[in-house]
Amino acid sequence: MKRVITGRSVLFGFFLVAFIIVFEVVLERLKLPAWPAFMVMICFFIEHEDPGSVPRILIGGLAGIGCMVLMEHFEPVLAPYLGVEAYRLLFIGVFVYAIVLFKDALPPVFNTFAFLFFLVASIASRTPNPEPYVWMGVEIVVGSIFIAGILGINRLVDTILDDEHANETALSVQPAPTVEEAADEPDAEP
């Protein structure tokens, strides 16, 4: 049966929680929203920490928040003719359809991460004083730092566990003394 709790998961979890707490405090002190960066982190975990997924996550997230901004900018122009609800449904429909059509042609921009960030940014835009351009900056800058932090934590844990394993191996596999080494020891019997 596979072990549920491993040394790797204990170490990784400890360093990750410390990393999250530090950045939560820093972002709070800077009065910056943390959600865009944490969404990047969650998406990176969903992608099994695959470095190849980073452009799709970061660019897709930026595109999603950007589409929410576009929707807000076009609303005063089109909503009077279509109605607010019809306009929003049309915009969302066009955006989702663009993801389906262009996901293979421009996967960094048109992907599920774009839709996810669009959805969350749309919800966040209903809060007092929404700042989508700040969200974009946090998503790109702090989100990138989060990804680098996760990769760094993985390397740190691997290094610690490799060193620990090497030390255990060195202690458990000590060669037996040769006849000459044994003869040099004061308690040695010939």
Protein backbone atom coordinates (compact mmCIF):
# COMPACT_ATOMS: atom_id res chain seq x y z
CA MET A 1 0.00 0.00 0.00
CA LYS A 2 1.26 3.46 -0.87
CA ARG A 3 2.22 5.71 2.02
CA VAL A 4 -0.13 8.66 2.46
CA ILE A 5 2.33 10.95 4.19
CA THR A 6 5.87 11.00 2.89
CA GLY A 7 8.95 12.91 3.94
CA ARG A 8 8.76 14.77 0.64
CA SER A 9 5.18 15.90 1.19
CA VAL A 10 5.92 16.99 4.77
CA LEU A 11 8.91 19.10 3.68
CA PHE A 12 7.23 20.50 0.57
CA GLY A 13 4.08 21.38 2.52
CA PHE A 14 6.06 23.11 5.26
CA PHE A 15 8.04 25.27 2.81
CA LEU A 16 4.96 26.01 0.69
CA VAL A 17 2.88 27.15 3.67
CA ALA A 18 5.74 29.38 4.86
CA PHE A 19 6.05 30.82 1.31
CA ILE A 20 2.29 31.49 1.13
CA ILE A 21 2.19 33.17 4.53
CA VAL A 22 5.12 35.45 3.66
CA PHE A 23 3.53 36.54 0.39
CA GLU A 24 0.10 36.96 1.94
CA VAL A 25 1.61 39.35 4.50
CA VAL A 26 3.68 41.19 1.87
CA LEU A 27 0.72 41.63 -0.50
CA GLU A 28 -1.50 42.77 2.37
CA ARG A 29 1.09 45.36 3.45
CA LEU A 30 1.35 46.60 -0.14
CA LYS A 31 -2.47 46.70 -0.34
CA LEU A 32 -2.41 44.40 -3.38
CA PRO A 33 -4.99 41.71 -4.07
CA ALA A 34 -3.59 38.21 -3.65
CA TRP A 35 -6.22 36.29 -5.61
CA PRO A 36 -4.65 36.64 -9.09
CA ALA A 37 -1.32 35.23 -7.89
CA PHE A 38 -2.97 32.42 -5.95
CA MET A 39 -5.03 31.54 -9.01
CA VAL A 40 -1.76 31.19 -10.95
CA MET A 41 -0.44 28.92 -8.19
CA ILE A 42 -3.56 26.76 -8.22
CA CYS A 43 -3.50 26.49 -12.02
CA PHE A 44 0.17 25.47 -11.86
CA PHE A 45 -0.71 22.72 -9.39
CA ILE A 46 -3.58 21.61 -11.62
CA GLU A 47 -1.03 21.26 -14.42
CA HIS A 48 1.11 19.03 -12.13
CA GLU A 49 3.79 21.71 -11.83
CA ASP A 50 4.72 21.35 -15.49
CA PRO A 51 7.00 24.26 -16.49
CA GLY A 52 5.69 23.92 -20.05
CA SER A 53 2.26 25.08 -18.87
CA VAL A 54 3.53 28.42 -17.56
CA PRO A 55 2.89 30.48 -20.74
CA ARG A 56 -0.66 29.13 -21.04
CA ILE A 57 -1.37 29.95 -17.41
CA LEU A 58 0.16 33.44 -17.33
CA ILE A 59 -0.87 34.63 -20.79
CA GLY A 60 -4.27 32.94 -20.56
CA GLY A 61 -4.88 34.53 -17.16
CA LEU A 62 -3.90 37.93 -18.51
CA ALA A 63 -6.20 37.42 -21.51
CA GLY A 64 -9.08 36.47 -19.24
CA ILE A 65 -8.74 39.54 -17.05
CA GLY A 66 -8.25 41.62 -20.22
CA CYS A 67 -11.48 40.27 -21.70
CA MET A 68 -13.32 41.28 -18.54
CA VAL A 69 -11.90 44.79 -19.01
CA LEU A 70 -13.02 44.77 -22.67
CA MET A 71 -16.50 43.67 -21.64
CA GLU A 72 -16.73 46.58 -19.21
CA HIS A 73 -15.48 49.08 -21.85
CA PHE A 74 -17.92 47.93 -24.55
CA GLU A 75 -20.93 47.75 -22.25
CA PRO A 76 -21.79 51.47 -22.39
CA VAL A 77 -21.65 51.33 -26.20
CA LEU A 78 -23.67 48.15 -26.86
CA ALA A 79 -25.86 47.69 -23.77
CA PRO A 80 -28.23 50.56 -24.68
CA TYR A 81 -29.08 48.72 -27.93
CA LEU A 82 -29.09 45.15 -26.67
CA GLY A 83 -29.84 45.52 -22.98
CA VAL A 84 -27.29 44.77 -20.27
CA GLU A 85 -28.16 41.10 -19.88
CA ALA A 86 -28.24 40.37 -23.62
CA TYR A 87 -24.97 42.24 -24.13
CA ARG A 88 -23.20 40.31 -21.38
CA LEU A 89 -24.49 36.98 -22.66
CA LEU A 90 -23.41 37.87 -26.20
CA PHE A 91 -19.94 38.92 -25.03
CA ILE A 92 -19.47 35.75 -22.96
CA GLY A 93 -20.72 33.64 -25.88
CA VAL A 94 -18.27 35.27 -28.31
CA PHE A 95 -15.41 34.86 -25.83
CA VAL A 96 -16.14 31.18 -25.18
CA TYR A 97 -16.59 30.55 -28.90
CA ALA A 98 -13.22 32.24 -29.58
CA ILE A 99 -11.60 29.88 -27.06
CA VAL A 100 -13.10 26.88 -28.85
CA LEU A 101 -12.13 28.17 -32.31
CA PHE A 102 -8.62 29.40 -31.55
CA LYS A 103 -7.45 27.05 -28.77
CA ASP A 104 -5.21 25.15 -31.21
CA ALA A 105 -4.04 28.22 -33.15
CA LEU A 106 -3.20 30.40 -30.11
CA PRO A 107 -3.19 28.12 -27.05
CA PRO A 108 -1.36 30.57 -24.77
CA VAL A 109 -4.19 33.10 -25.20
CA PHE A 110 -7.31 31.03 -25.83
CA ASN A 111 -7.49 28.35 -23.17
CA THR A 112 -9.38 27.28 -20.09
CA PHE A 113 -7.18 29.47 -17.89
CA ALA A 114 -8.38 32.53 -19.82
CA PHE A 115 -11.98 31.53 -19.16
CA LEU A 116 -11.28 30.82 -15.49
CA PHE A 117 -9.60 34.19 -14.94
CA PHE A 118 -12.38 35.93 -16.90
CA LEU A 119 -14.96 34.34 -14.62
CA VAL A 120 -13.18 35.25 -11.38
CA ALA A 121 -12.31 38.76 -12.59
CA SER A 122 -15.95 39.30 -13.55
CA ILE A 123 -17.00 38.35 -10.04
CA ALA A 124 -14.22 40.48 -8.49
CA SER A 125 -15.26 43.44 -10.64
CA ARG A 126 -18.47 43.68 -8.61
CA THR A 127 -16.54 44.52 -5.45
CA PRO A 128 -16.00 48.16 -4.43
CA ASN A 129 -13.17 49.85 -6.34
CA PRO A 130 -12.15 47.06 -8.73
CA GLU A 131 -8.65 47.45 -10.15
CA PRO A 132 -8.29 45.09 -13.12
CA TYR A 133 -4.97 46.55 -14.25
CA VAL A 134 -3.54 45.93 -10.78
CA TRP A 135 -4.94 42.38 -10.97
CA MET A 136 -3.10 41.93 -14.27
CA GLY A 137 0.17 43.11 -12.74
CA VAL A 138 -0.22 40.85 -9.70
CA GLU A 139 -1.15 37.92 -11.94
CA ILE A 140 1.95 38.30 -14.13
CA VAL A 141 4.57 39.47 -11.60
CA VAL A 142 3.58 37.77 -8.36
CA GLY A 143 2.14 34.76 -10.20
CA SER A 144 5.54 34.28 -11.88
CA ILE A 145 7.23 34.58 -8.48
CA PHE A 146 4.85 31.92 -7.13
CA ILE A 147 5.69 29.53 -9.96
CA ALA A 148 9.42 30.15 -9.46
CA GLY A 149 8.92 29.62 -5.73
CA ILE A 150 7.18 26.29 -6.25
CA LEU A 151 9.95 25.11 -8.58
CA GLY A 152 12.55 26.34 -6.09
CA ILE A 153 10.83 24.58 -3.19
CA ASN A 154 10.81 21.36 -5.22
CA ARG A 155 14.56 21.68 -5.83
CA LEU A 156 15.23 22.50 -2.19
CA VAL A 157 13.24 19.47 -1.02
CA ASP A 158 14.99 17.24 -3.57
CA THR A 159 18.38 18.52 -2.41
CA ILE A 160 17.55 17.97 1.26
CA LEU A 161 16.23 14.49 0.63
CA ASP A 162 19.18 13.58 -1.64
CA ASP A 163 21.66 14.79 1.01
CA GLU A 164 19.75 12.94 3.71
CA HIS A 165 19.68 9.77 1.62
CA ALA A 166 23.40 10.09 0.85
CA ASN A 167 24.20 10.52 4.56
CA GLU A 168 22.07 7.51 5.51
CA THR A 169 23.74 5.43 2.82
CA ALA A 170 27.21 6.53 3.92
CA LEU A 171 26.46 5.64 7.54
CA SER A 172 24.88 2.29 6.80
CA VAL A 173 27.42 1.07 4.26
CA GLN A 174 30.78 1.57 5.87
CA PRO A 175 33.39 -0.83 4.58
CA ALA A 176 34.87 -3.33 7.02
CA PRO A 177 38.41 -2.45 8.10
CA THR A 178 41.21 -4.17 6.25
CA VAL A 179 43.70 -6.42 8.07
CA GLU A 180 46.27 -3.59 8.10
CA GLU A 181 43.73 -1.09 9.52
CA ALA A 182 42.66 -3.61 12.15
CA ALA A 183 46.31 -4.25 13.12
CA ASP A 184 46.84 -0.50 13.65
CA GLU A 185 44.00 -0.30 16.17
CA PRO A 186 45.13 -0.71 19.82
CA ASP A 187 42.40 -3.22 20.79
CA ALA A 188 42.84 -5.32 17.67
CA GLU A 189 43.61 -9.00 17.99
CA PRO A 190 45.99 -10.46 15.41
